[in-house]
């Protein structure tokens, strides 16, 4: 008997430019933990507010030819939320990199999110504990910054001045009063 039969019967696919694309069969523990952490950060902050956070697994009907399953998204227009998913551009989309999906996350999907008017896009890499933050400006994504947790061995070699300049938190452009700590994004990520 195949132990993975149930999982195989529940394989998810995305639609990229009208073409079905199978999602990577199993995200890593670090991928899942990172996605969960981000949803938790926004979920706690948005409690009682009009915007909603959606964790990994929610379908996004971006266009007639593009149906994605982002690793996280924030939607501030309640009329976009239907019983079977989110319709139209979310305000924030988060994609956590996997080796099998990173080309699409950095390529086709990034362009599709940009064209649809997503206001902020994060590409999160659990392997190097980095967050690339793109902001929509005049219809194009502009890299705002890349936030990184440096490994202990690198920090140990830094001068006190360099250590003082390390960025340990950042802000989402949508919520100026929400400090996002990198240590919270990558909590329990090995």
N, C-alpha and C. Protein backbone atom coordinates (compact mmCIF):
# COMPACT_ATOMS: atom_id res chain seq x y z
N UNK A 1 0.84 -1.20 0.00
CA UNK A 1 0.00 0.00 0.00
C UNK A 1 0.88 1.24 0.00
N UNK A 2 0.55 2.20 -0.81
CA UNK A 2 1.33 3.42 -0.92
C UNK A 2 0.95 4.38 0.21
N UNK A 3 1.93 4.74 1.07
CA UNK A 3 1.68 5.63 2.19
C UNK A 3 1.28 7.02 1.74
N UNK A 4 1.70 7.42 0.57
CA UNK A 4 1.45 8.78 0.11
C UNK A 4 0.22 8.88 -0.79
N UNK A 5 -0.61 7.84 -0.82
CA UNK A 5 -1.76 7.84 -1.71
C UNK A 5 -2.69 9.02 -1.44
N UNK A 6 -3.00 9.25 -0.18
CA UNK A 6 -3.91 10.36 0.15
C UNK A 6 -3.32 11.68 -0.33
N UNK A 7 -2.03 11.85 -0.14
CA UNK A 7 -1.40 13.09 -0.58
C UNK A 7 -1.44 13.20 -2.11
N UNK A 8 -1.18 12.08 -2.78
CA UNK A 8 -1.17 12.10 -4.24
C UNK A 8 -2.54 12.42 -4.81
N UNK A 9 -3.61 12.00 -4.13
CA UNK A 9 -4.94 12.28 -4.62
C UNK A 9 -5.33 13.73 -4.39
N UNK A 10 -4.58 14.43 -3.58
CA UNK A 10 -4.91 15.81 -3.24
C UNK A 10 -3.82 16.76 -3.74
N UNK A 11 -3.28 16.48 -4.91
CA UNK A 11 -2.23 17.32 -5.48
C UNK A 11 -2.85 18.62 -5.95
N UNK A 12 -2.21 19.72 -5.61
CA UNK A 12 -2.70 21.04 -6.00
C UNK A 12 -1.99 21.49 -7.27
N UNK A 13 -2.72 22.27 -8.03
CA UNK A 13 -2.10 22.86 -9.21
C UNK A 13 -2.49 24.32 -9.29
N UNK A 14 -1.62 25.06 -9.95
CA UNK A 14 -1.89 26.46 -10.22
C UNK A 14 -2.14 26.59 -11.72
N UNK A 15 -2.69 27.72 -12.10
CA UNK A 15 -2.89 28.02 -13.50
C UNK A 15 -2.04 29.23 -13.82
N UNK A 16 -1.03 29.05 -14.69
CA UNK A 16 -0.15 30.13 -15.09
C UNK A 16 -0.36 30.38 -16.58
N UNK A 17 -0.88 31.56 -16.90
CA UNK A 17 -1.16 31.94 -18.28
C UNK A 17 -2.02 30.87 -18.96
N UNK A 18 -3.00 30.35 -18.23
CA UNK A 18 -3.92 29.36 -18.77
C UNK A 18 -3.42 27.94 -18.79
N UNK A 19 -2.18 27.71 -18.35
CA UNK A 19 -1.60 26.36 -18.37
C UNK A 19 -1.52 25.81 -16.95
N UNK A 20 -2.03 24.58 -16.72
CA UNK A 20 -1.93 24.01 -15.37
C UNK A 20 -0.48 23.65 -15.03
N UNK A 21 -0.09 23.99 -13.81
CA UNK A 21 1.26 23.70 -13.32
C UNK A 21 1.10 23.05 -11.95
N UNK A 22 1.63 21.83 -11.80
CA UNK A 22 1.56 21.16 -10.52
C UNK A 22 2.42 21.87 -9.49
N UNK A 23 1.90 22.00 -8.30
CA UNK A 23 2.67 22.59 -7.21
C UNK A 23 3.67 21.54 -6.74
N UNK A 24 4.76 22.00 -6.10
CA UNK A 24 5.71 21.03 -5.59
C UNK A 24 4.98 20.15 -4.59
N UNK A 25 5.20 18.85 -4.64
CA UNK A 25 4.40 17.94 -3.84
C UNK A 25 4.47 18.16 -2.33
N UNK A 26 5.61 18.46 -1.80
CA UNK A 26 5.72 18.61 -0.36
C UNK A 26 6.64 19.76 -0.02
N UNK A 27 6.08 20.83 0.54
CA UNK A 27 6.97 21.89 1.01
C UNK A 27 7.80 21.39 2.18
N UNK A 28 8.96 21.97 2.36
CA UNK A 28 9.81 21.59 3.48
C UNK A 28 9.25 22.12 4.79
N UNK A 29 9.75 21.58 5.88
CA UNK A 29 9.35 22.06 7.20
C UNK A 29 9.68 23.55 7.34
N UNK A 30 10.85 23.97 6.87
CA UNK A 30 11.22 25.39 6.96
C UNK A 30 10.28 26.27 6.15
N UNK A 31 9.87 25.80 4.99
CA UNK A 31 8.91 26.52 4.16
C UNK A 31 7.60 26.69 4.91
N UNK A 32 7.07 25.59 5.45
CA UNK A 32 5.80 25.64 6.17
C UNK A 32 5.89 26.52 7.42
N UNK A 33 6.99 26.41 8.15
CA UNK A 33 7.14 27.20 9.37
C UNK A 33 7.20 28.69 9.04
N UNK A 34 7.92 29.05 7.99
CA UNK A 34 8.03 30.46 7.58
C UNK A 34 6.67 31.01 7.18
N UNK A 35 5.95 30.26 6.37
CA UNK A 35 4.61 30.67 5.94
C UNK A 35 3.69 30.83 7.14
N UNK A 36 3.74 29.89 8.06
CA UNK A 36 2.92 29.96 9.27
C UNK A 36 3.27 31.20 10.10
N UNK A 37 4.56 31.45 10.27
CA UNK A 37 5.00 32.60 11.07
C UNK A 37 4.47 33.91 10.50
N UNK A 38 4.53 34.06 9.19
CA UNK A 38 4.07 35.29 8.54
C UNK A 38 2.56 35.44 8.73
N UNK A 39 1.82 34.34 8.54
CA UNK A 39 0.37 34.40 8.75
C UNK A 39 0.05 34.75 10.20
N UNK A 40 0.83 34.24 11.13
CA UNK A 40 0.61 34.52 12.55
C UNK A 40 0.86 36.00 12.86
N UNK A 41 1.92 36.56 12.31
CA UNK A 41 2.24 37.98 12.52
C UNK A 41 1.07 38.85 12.06
N UNK A 42 0.61 38.61 10.84
CA UNK A 42 -0.49 39.43 10.31
C UNK A 42 -1.82 39.09 10.98
N UNK A 43 -2.03 37.82 11.29
CA UNK A 43 -3.28 37.42 11.92
C UNK A 43 -3.49 38.11 13.26
N UNK A 44 -2.43 38.18 14.06
CA UNK A 44 -2.53 38.85 15.36
C UNK A 44 -2.75 40.35 15.18
N UNK A 45 -2.05 40.94 14.26
CA UNK A 45 -2.16 42.39 14.03
C UNK A 45 -3.53 42.78 13.46
N UNK A 46 -4.05 41.98 12.55
CA UNK A 46 -5.28 42.33 11.84
C UNK A 46 -6.56 41.96 12.60
N UNK A 47 -6.42 41.32 13.74
CA UNK A 47 -7.61 40.94 14.51
C UNK A 47 -8.44 42.20 14.81
N UNK A 48 -9.72 42.16 14.40
CA UNK A 48 -10.60 43.29 14.63
C UNK A 48 -10.51 44.40 13.59
N UNK A 49 -9.64 44.23 12.58
CA UNK A 49 -9.48 45.23 11.52
C UNK A 49 -10.17 44.73 10.25
N UNK A 50 -10.30 45.60 9.27
CA UNK A 50 -11.04 45.23 8.05
C UNK A 50 -10.25 44.31 7.11
N UNK A 51 -8.95 44.32 7.17
CA UNK A 51 -8.15 43.47 6.29
C UNK A 51 -8.10 42.04 6.84
N UNK A 52 -7.93 41.09 5.93
CA UNK A 52 -7.86 39.67 6.31
C UNK A 52 -6.55 39.07 5.82
N UNK A 53 -6.01 38.17 6.61
CA UNK A 53 -4.81 37.44 6.20
C UNK A 53 -5.23 36.04 5.78
N UNK A 54 -4.59 35.55 4.72
CA UNK A 54 -4.84 34.19 4.25
C UNK A 54 -3.51 33.45 4.21
N UNK A 55 -3.42 32.33 4.90
CA UNK A 55 -2.17 31.56 4.89
C UNK A 55 -2.07 30.72 3.62
N UNK A 56 -1.01 29.98 3.54
CA UNK A 56 -0.76 29.06 2.43
C UNK A 56 -1.97 28.16 2.21
N UNK A 57 -2.33 27.95 0.95
CA UNK A 57 -3.40 27.01 0.63
C UNK A 57 -4.68 27.65 0.14
N UNK A 58 -4.80 28.97 0.23
CA UNK A 58 -6.00 29.66 -0.25
C UNK A 58 -5.83 29.98 -1.73
N UNK A 59 -6.84 29.70 -2.51
CA UNK A 59 -6.76 29.96 -3.94
C UNK A 59 -6.96 31.45 -4.24
N UNK A 60 -6.14 31.94 -5.15
CA UNK A 60 -6.21 33.31 -5.61
C UNK A 60 -6.55 33.29 -7.10
N UNK A 61 -7.72 33.81 -7.44
CA UNK A 61 -8.15 33.94 -8.82
C UNK A 61 -7.75 35.34 -9.28
N UNK A 62 -6.51 35.44 -9.73
CA UNK A 62 -5.94 36.74 -10.06
C UNK A 62 -6.53 37.28 -11.37
N UNK A 63 -6.53 36.44 -12.39
CA UNK A 63 -7.12 36.78 -13.70
C UNK A 63 -7.79 35.52 -14.23
N UNK A 64 -8.40 35.63 -15.39
CA UNK A 64 -9.03 34.45 -16.00
C UNK A 64 -8.01 33.37 -16.34
N UNK A 65 -6.76 33.76 -16.56
CA UNK A 65 -5.71 32.80 -16.92
C UNK A 65 -4.74 32.50 -15.79
N UNK A 66 -4.89 33.16 -14.66
CA UNK A 66 -3.94 33.00 -13.56
C UNK A 66 -4.66 32.69 -12.25
N UNK A 67 -4.47 31.46 -11.79
CA UNK A 67 -5.01 31.03 -10.50
C UNK A 67 -3.82 30.48 -9.69
N UNK A 68 -3.49 31.19 -8.62
CA UNK A 68 -2.32 30.85 -7.83
C UNK A 68 -2.72 30.42 -6.43
N UNK A 69 -1.76 29.85 -5.72
CA UNK A 69 -1.91 29.54 -4.30
C UNK A 69 -0.71 30.15 -3.59
N UNK A 70 -0.76 31.45 -3.31
CA UNK A 70 0.37 32.09 -2.65
C UNK A 70 0.59 31.51 -1.25
N UNK A 71 1.78 31.71 -0.75
CA UNK A 71 2.10 31.22 0.60
C UNK A 71 1.53 32.13 1.67
N UNK A 72 1.04 33.28 1.28
CA UNK A 72 0.36 34.18 2.19
C UNK A 72 -0.14 35.39 1.42
N UNK A 73 -1.22 35.98 1.92
CA UNK A 73 -1.71 37.21 1.31
C UNK A 73 -2.57 37.96 2.31
N UNK A 74 -2.63 39.27 2.11
CA UNK A 74 -3.48 40.15 2.90
C UNK A 74 -4.43 40.83 1.92
N UNK A 75 -5.72 40.78 2.26
CA UNK A 75 -6.76 41.35 1.42
C UNK A 75 -7.54 42.37 2.25
N UNK A 76 -7.63 43.59 1.76
CA UNK A 76 -8.31 44.66 2.50
C UNK A 76 -9.64 45.04 1.87
N UNK A 77 -10.04 44.37 0.80
CA UNK A 77 -11.34 44.60 0.17
C UNK A 77 -12.21 43.37 0.40
N UNK A 78 -13.12 43.41 1.37
CA UNK A 78 -13.92 42.23 1.71
C UNK A 78 -14.70 41.64 0.54
N UNK A 79 -15.08 42.45 -0.45
CA UNK A 79 -15.85 41.93 -1.58
C UNK A 79 -15.01 41.01 -2.49
N UNK A 80 -13.70 40.98 -2.31
CA UNK A 80 -12.85 40.08 -3.09
C UNK A 80 -12.85 38.66 -2.52
N UNK A 81 -13.33 38.51 -1.31
CA UNK A 81 -13.28 37.22 -0.61
C UNK A 81 -14.58 36.47 -0.85
N UNK A 82 -14.47 35.32 -1.51
CA UNK A 82 -15.63 34.46 -1.81
C UNK A 82 -15.44 33.12 -1.08
N UNK A 83 -16.45 32.28 -1.16
CA UNK A 83 -16.40 31.00 -0.45
C UNK A 83 -15.30 30.08 -0.97
N UNK A 84 -14.86 30.24 -2.20
CA UNK A 84 -13.86 29.34 -2.77
C UNK A 84 -12.51 30.00 -3.01
N UNK A 85 -12.32 31.22 -2.53
CA UNK A 85 -11.01 31.86 -2.69
C UNK A 85 -11.11 33.37 -2.77
N UNK A 86 -10.01 33.96 -3.16
CA UNK A 86 -9.89 35.41 -3.29
C UNK A 86 -9.88 35.74 -4.77
N UNK A 87 -10.64 36.77 -5.16
CA UNK A 87 -10.76 37.16 -6.56
C UNK A 87 -10.20 38.57 -6.73
N UNK A 88 -9.20 38.70 -7.60
CA UNK A 88 -8.57 39.99 -7.84
C UNK A 88 -7.30 40.15 -7.02
N UNK A 89 -6.66 41.29 -7.20
CA UNK A 89 -5.35 41.53 -6.61
C UNK A 89 -5.44 41.76 -5.10
N UNK A 90 -4.75 40.93 -4.32
CA UNK A 90 -4.63 41.20 -2.90
C UNK A 90 -3.77 42.45 -2.69
N UNK A 91 -3.77 42.96 -1.49
CA UNK A 91 -2.93 44.13 -1.18
C UNK A 91 -1.47 43.71 -0.98
N UNK A 92 -1.27 42.54 -0.38
CA UNK A 92 0.07 41.99 -0.15
C UNK A 92 0.06 40.53 -0.53
N UNK A 93 1.10 40.10 -1.24
CA UNK A 93 1.29 38.68 -1.55
C UNK A 93 2.66 38.28 -1.06
N UNK A 94 2.72 37.10 -0.44
CA UNK A 94 3.98 36.52 0.04
C UNK A 94 4.20 35.19 -0.65
N UNK A 95 5.35 35.02 -1.24
CA UNK A 95 5.77 33.72 -1.78
C UNK A 95 7.03 33.29 -1.05
N UNK A 96 6.97 32.10 -0.46
CA UNK A 96 8.13 31.51 0.22
C UNK A 96 8.80 30.60 -0.79
N UNK A 97 10.08 30.83 -1.04
CA UNK A 97 10.78 30.10 -2.09
C UNK A 97 10.94 28.62 -1.77
N UNK A 98 10.72 27.83 -2.80
CA UNK A 98 11.05 26.40 -2.83
C UNK A 98 11.87 26.19 -4.08
N UNK A 99 12.73 25.21 -4.08
CA UNK A 99 13.59 25.00 -5.25
C UNK A 99 12.76 24.74 -6.50
N UNK A 100 11.61 24.10 -6.36
CA UNK A 100 10.80 23.76 -7.54
C UNK A 100 9.91 24.91 -8.02
N UNK A 101 9.72 25.96 -7.20
CA UNK A 101 8.81 27.04 -7.60
C UNK A 101 9.48 28.40 -7.73
N UNK A 102 10.75 28.51 -7.35
CA UNK A 102 11.37 29.84 -7.31
C UNK A 102 11.43 30.53 -8.67
N UNK A 103 11.57 29.78 -9.74
CA UNK A 103 11.61 30.41 -11.06
C UNK A 103 10.28 31.13 -11.33
N UNK A 104 9.17 30.48 -11.04
CA UNK A 104 7.86 31.11 -11.25
C UNK A 104 7.63 32.26 -10.27
N UNK A 105 8.04 32.09 -9.00
CA UNK A 105 7.85 33.14 -7.99
C UNK A 105 8.60 34.41 -8.37
N UNK A 106 9.79 34.26 -8.92
CA UNK A 106 10.61 35.42 -9.29
C UNK A 106 10.31 35.91 -10.71
N UNK A 107 9.67 35.06 -11.50
CA UNK A 107 9.42 35.39 -12.90
C UNK A 107 7.96 35.66 -13.19
N UNK A 108 7.29 34.64 -13.74
CA UNK A 108 5.92 34.84 -14.23
C UNK A 108 4.98 35.38 -13.16
N UNK A 109 5.00 34.79 -11.97
CA UNK A 109 4.04 35.21 -10.93
C UNK A 109 4.32 36.65 -10.48
N UNK A 110 5.58 37.00 -10.36
CA UNK A 110 5.92 38.37 -9.97
C UNK A 110 5.37 39.37 -10.99
N UNK A 111 5.53 39.06 -12.25
CA UNK A 111 5.01 39.93 -13.31
C UNK A 111 3.48 39.98 -13.27
N UNK A 112 2.85 38.83 -13.05
CA UNK A 112 1.38 38.79 -13.00
C UNK A 112 0.86 39.60 -11.81
N UNK A 113 1.51 39.47 -10.66
CA UNK A 113 1.10 40.25 -9.49
C UNK A 113 1.25 41.76 -9.77
N UNK A 114 2.35 42.10 -10.40
CA UNK A 114 2.61 43.50 -10.73
C UNK A 114 1.52 44.05 -11.67
N UNK A 115 1.23 43.32 -12.75
CA UNK A 115 0.22 43.75 -13.72
C UNK A 115 -1.16 43.87 -13.09
N UNK A 116 -1.45 43.00 -12.12
CA UNK A 116 -2.77 42.99 -11.49
C UNK A 116 -2.93 44.12 -10.47
N UNK A 117 -1.80 44.72 -10.06
CA UNK A 117 -1.87 45.84 -9.11
C UNK A 117 -1.68 45.47 -7.65
N UNK A 118 -1.05 44.33 -7.37
CA UNK A 118 -0.71 43.99 -5.99
C UNK A 118 0.20 45.09 -5.46
N UNK A 119 -0.14 45.65 -4.31
CA UNK A 119 0.60 46.81 -3.80
C UNK A 119 1.97 46.46 -3.21
N UNK A 120 2.09 45.27 -2.66
CA UNK A 120 3.36 44.87 -2.06
C UNK A 120 3.55 43.37 -2.26
N UNK A 121 4.78 42.98 -2.58
CA UNK A 121 5.11 41.58 -2.87
C UNK A 121 6.38 41.23 -2.12
N UNK A 122 6.32 40.11 -1.38
CA UNK A 122 7.49 39.62 -0.67
C UNK A 122 7.93 38.29 -1.26
N UNK A 123 9.22 38.17 -1.49
CA UNK A 123 9.83 36.88 -1.81
C UNK A 123 10.67 36.52 -0.60
N UNK A 124 10.27 35.44 0.07
CA UNK A 124 10.90 35.05 1.33
C UNK A 124 11.69 33.78 1.12
N UNK A 125 12.95 33.78 1.54
CA UNK A 125 13.82 32.63 1.36
C UNK A 125 14.23 32.08 2.72
N UNK A 126 13.65 30.94 3.14
CA UNK A 126 14.02 30.36 4.43
C UNK A 126 15.46 29.88 4.46
N UNK A 127 16.03 29.51 3.30
CA UNK A 127 17.39 28.98 3.28
C UNK A 127 18.41 30.01 3.74
N UNK A 128 18.26 31.27 3.30
CA UNK A 128 19.21 32.29 3.74
C UNK A 128 18.56 33.33 4.66
N UNK A 129 17.33 33.01 5.09
CA UNK A 129 16.60 33.86 6.03
C UNK A 129 16.55 35.31 5.55
N UNK A 130 16.00 35.47 4.33
CA UNK A 130 15.90 36.80 3.74
C UNK A 130 14.48 37.08 3.28
N UNK A 131 14.14 38.37 3.26
CA UNK A 131 12.86 38.85 2.75
C UNK A 131 13.16 39.95 1.74
N UNK A 132 12.75 39.74 0.49
CA UNK A 132 12.84 40.78 -0.53
C UNK A 132 11.48 41.48 -0.54
N UNK A 133 11.47 42.77 -0.35
CA UNK A 133 10.23 43.54 -0.29
C UNK A 133 10.12 44.42 -1.54
N UNK A 134 9.11 44.14 -2.36
CA UNK A 134 8.84 44.91 -3.57
C UNK A 134 7.59 45.75 -3.34
N UNK A 135 7.65 47.02 -3.73
CA UNK A 135 6.52 47.93 -3.62
C UNK A 135 6.10 48.38 -5.01
N UNK A 136 4.80 48.46 -5.24
CA UNK A 136 4.30 48.89 -6.54
C UNK A 136 4.41 50.40 -6.65
N UNK A 137 5.08 50.85 -7.71
CA UNK A 137 5.25 52.28 -7.95
C UNK A 137 5.05 52.53 -9.44
N UNK A 138 4.06 53.34 -9.79
CA UNK A 138 3.75 53.62 -11.19
C UNK A 138 3.56 52.34 -12.00
N UNK A 139 2.87 51.36 -11.40
CA UNK A 139 2.54 50.12 -12.10
C UNK A 139 3.66 49.10 -12.18
N UNK A 140 4.80 49.37 -11.51
CA UNK A 140 5.91 48.42 -11.55
C UNK A 140 6.41 48.15 -10.14
N UNK A 141 6.84 46.89 -9.92
CA UNK A 141 7.46 46.57 -8.65
C UNK A 141 8.86 47.14 -8.59
N UNK A 142 9.15 47.78 -7.48
CA UNK A 142 10.47 48.31 -7.22
C UNK A 142 10.98 47.64 -5.95
N UNK A 143 12.19 47.12 -6.00
CA UNK A 143 12.77 46.49 -4.82
C UNK A 143 13.01 47.56 -3.77
N UNK A 144 12.28 47.50 -2.68
CA UNK A 144 12.43 48.46 -1.59
C UNK A 144 13.67 48.14 -0.78
N UNK A 145 13.82 46.86 -0.42
CA UNK A 145 14.98 46.44 0.36
C UNK A 145 15.01 44.92 0.46
N UNK A 146 16.13 44.40 0.90
CA UNK A 146 16.28 42.99 1.22
C UNK A 146 16.71 42.92 2.67
N UNK A 147 15.93 42.22 3.47
CA UNK A 147 16.19 42.11 4.90
C UNK A 147 16.71 40.69 5.18
N UNK A 148 17.80 40.60 5.95
CA UNK A 148 18.48 39.33 6.14
C UNK A 148 18.86 39.14 7.61
N UNK A 149 18.70 37.92 8.07
CA UNK A 149 19.30 37.54 9.35
C UNK A 149 20.65 36.93 9.01
N UNK A 150 21.70 37.59 9.43
CA UNK A 150 23.04 37.09 9.14
C UNK A 150 23.40 35.94 10.07
N UNK A 151 24.11 34.94 9.56
CA UNK A 151 24.52 33.82 10.42
C UNK A 151 25.46 34.31 11.53
N UNK A 152 25.44 33.60 12.63
CA UNK A 152 26.25 33.97 13.80
C UNK A 152 27.73 34.14 13.45
N UNK A 153 28.26 33.27 12.58
CA UNK A 153 29.69 33.37 12.25
C UNK A 153 30.02 34.68 11.55
N UNK A 154 29.07 35.21 10.76
CA UNK A 154 29.29 36.49 10.09
C UNK A 154 29.18 37.65 11.07
N UNK A 155 28.20 37.57 11.96
CA UNK A 155 28.02 38.62 12.97
C UNK A 155 29.24 38.68 13.87
N UNK A 156 29.81 37.53 14.19
CA UNK A 156 30.98 37.49 15.07
C UNK A 156 32.18 38.22 14.46
N UNK A 157 32.25 38.28 13.14
CA UNK A 157 33.37 38.95 12.46
C UNK A 157 33.13 40.44 12.24
N UNK A 158 31.93 40.92 12.56
CA UNK A 158 31.60 42.32 12.32
C UNK A 158 32.11 43.22 13.44
N UNK A 159 32.40 44.45 13.05
CA UNK A 159 32.77 45.45 14.05
C UNK A 159 31.50 45.88 14.80
N UNK A 160 31.68 46.56 15.91
CA UNK A 160 30.53 47.06 16.66
C UNK A 160 29.70 48.03 15.82
N UNK A 161 30.38 48.82 14.99
CA UNK A 161 29.68 49.75 14.11
C UNK A 161 28.82 49.01 13.09
N UNK A 162 29.38 47.94 12.52
CA UNK A 162 28.62 47.14 11.56
C UNK A 162 27.43 46.46 12.23
N UNK A 163 27.65 45.94 13.41
CA UNK A 163 26.55 45.29 14.15
C UNK A 163 25.44 46.28 14.47
N UNK A 164 25.81 47.51 14.79
CA UNK A 164 24.81 48.54 15.12
C UNK A 164 23.95 48.89 13.90
N UNK A 165 24.47 48.67 12.70
CA UNK A 165 23.73 49.00 11.48
C UNK A 165 22.85 47.85 10.98
N UNK A 166 22.94 46.68 11.62
CA UNK A 166 22.13 45.55 11.18
C UNK A 166 20.65 45.86 11.36
N UNK A 167 19.89 45.56 10.34
CA UNK A 167 18.44 45.77 10.39
C UNK A 167 17.80 44.48 10.91
N UNK A 168 17.04 44.61 11.98
CA UNK A 168 16.41 43.43 12.58
C UNK A 168 14.89 43.43 12.42
N UNK A 169 14.35 44.53 11.95
CA UNK A 169 12.91 44.59 11.69
C UNK A 169 12.64 45.57 10.56
N UNK A 170 11.46 45.43 9.97
CA UNK A 170 11.05 46.32 8.88
C UNK A 170 9.56 46.55 8.97
N UNK A 171 9.03 47.35 8.07
CA UNK A 171 7.61 47.68 8.05
C UNK A 171 7.00 47.27 6.72
N UNK A 172 5.79 46.79 6.79
CA UNK A 172 4.98 46.56 5.60
C UNK A 172 4.43 47.92 5.20
N UNK A 173 4.45 48.25 3.93
CA UNK A 173 3.98 49.57 3.49
C UNK A 173 2.50 49.79 3.79
N UNK A 174 1.75 48.73 3.98
CA UNK A 174 0.31 48.83 4.23
C UNK A 174 -0.01 49.22 5.66
N UNK A 175 0.89 48.88 6.59
CA UNK A 175 0.62 49.06 8.01
C UNK A 175 1.85 49.65 8.70
N UNK A 176 1.93 50.96 8.72
CA UNK A 176 3.11 51.65 9.26
C UNK A 176 3.33 51.37 10.74
N UNK A 177 2.27 50.98 11.45
CA UNK A 177 2.40 50.74 12.88
C UNK A 177 2.67 49.28 13.23
N UNK A 178 3.02 48.47 12.24
CA UNK A 178 3.32 47.05 12.48
C UNK A 178 4.80 46.78 12.24
N UNK A 179 5.60 46.74 13.31
CA UNK A 179 7.00 46.34 13.12
C UNK A 179 7.08 44.82 12.89
N UNK A 180 7.79 44.42 11.86
CA UNK A 180 7.94 43.01 11.54
C UNK A 180 9.37 42.62 11.85
N UNK A 181 9.52 41.80 12.87
CA UNK A 181 10.85 41.38 13.30
C UNK A 181 11.27 40.15 12.49
N UNK A 182 12.47 40.23 11.96
CA UNK A 182 12.99 39.10 11.18
C UNK A 182 13.04 37.83 12.02
N UNK A 183 13.36 37.97 13.29
CA UNK A 183 13.42 36.78 14.15
C UNK A 183 12.04 36.13 14.28
N UNK A 184 10.96 36.89 14.15
CA UNK A 184 9.61 36.32 14.19
C UNK A 184 9.27 35.65 12.86
N UNK A 185 9.69 36.24 11.74
CA UNK A 185 9.45 35.64 10.44
C UNK A 185 10.12 34.26 10.35
N UNK A 186 11.33 34.16 10.89
CA UNK A 186 12.11 32.93 10.78
C UNK A 186 12.20 32.16 12.09
N UNK A 187 11.26 32.37 12.99
CA UNK A 187 11.23 31.63 14.24
C UNK A 187 11.10 30.13 13.96
N UNK A 188 11.95 29.35 14.57
CA UNK A 188 11.98 27.88 14.44
C UNK A 188 12.38 27.39 13.06
N UNK A 189 12.93 28.26 12.24
CA UNK A 189 13.44 27.87 10.93
C UNK A 189 14.91 27.51 11.11
N UNK A 190 15.25 26.32 10.70
CA UNK A 190 16.63 25.82 10.89
C UNK A 190 17.47 26.00 9.66
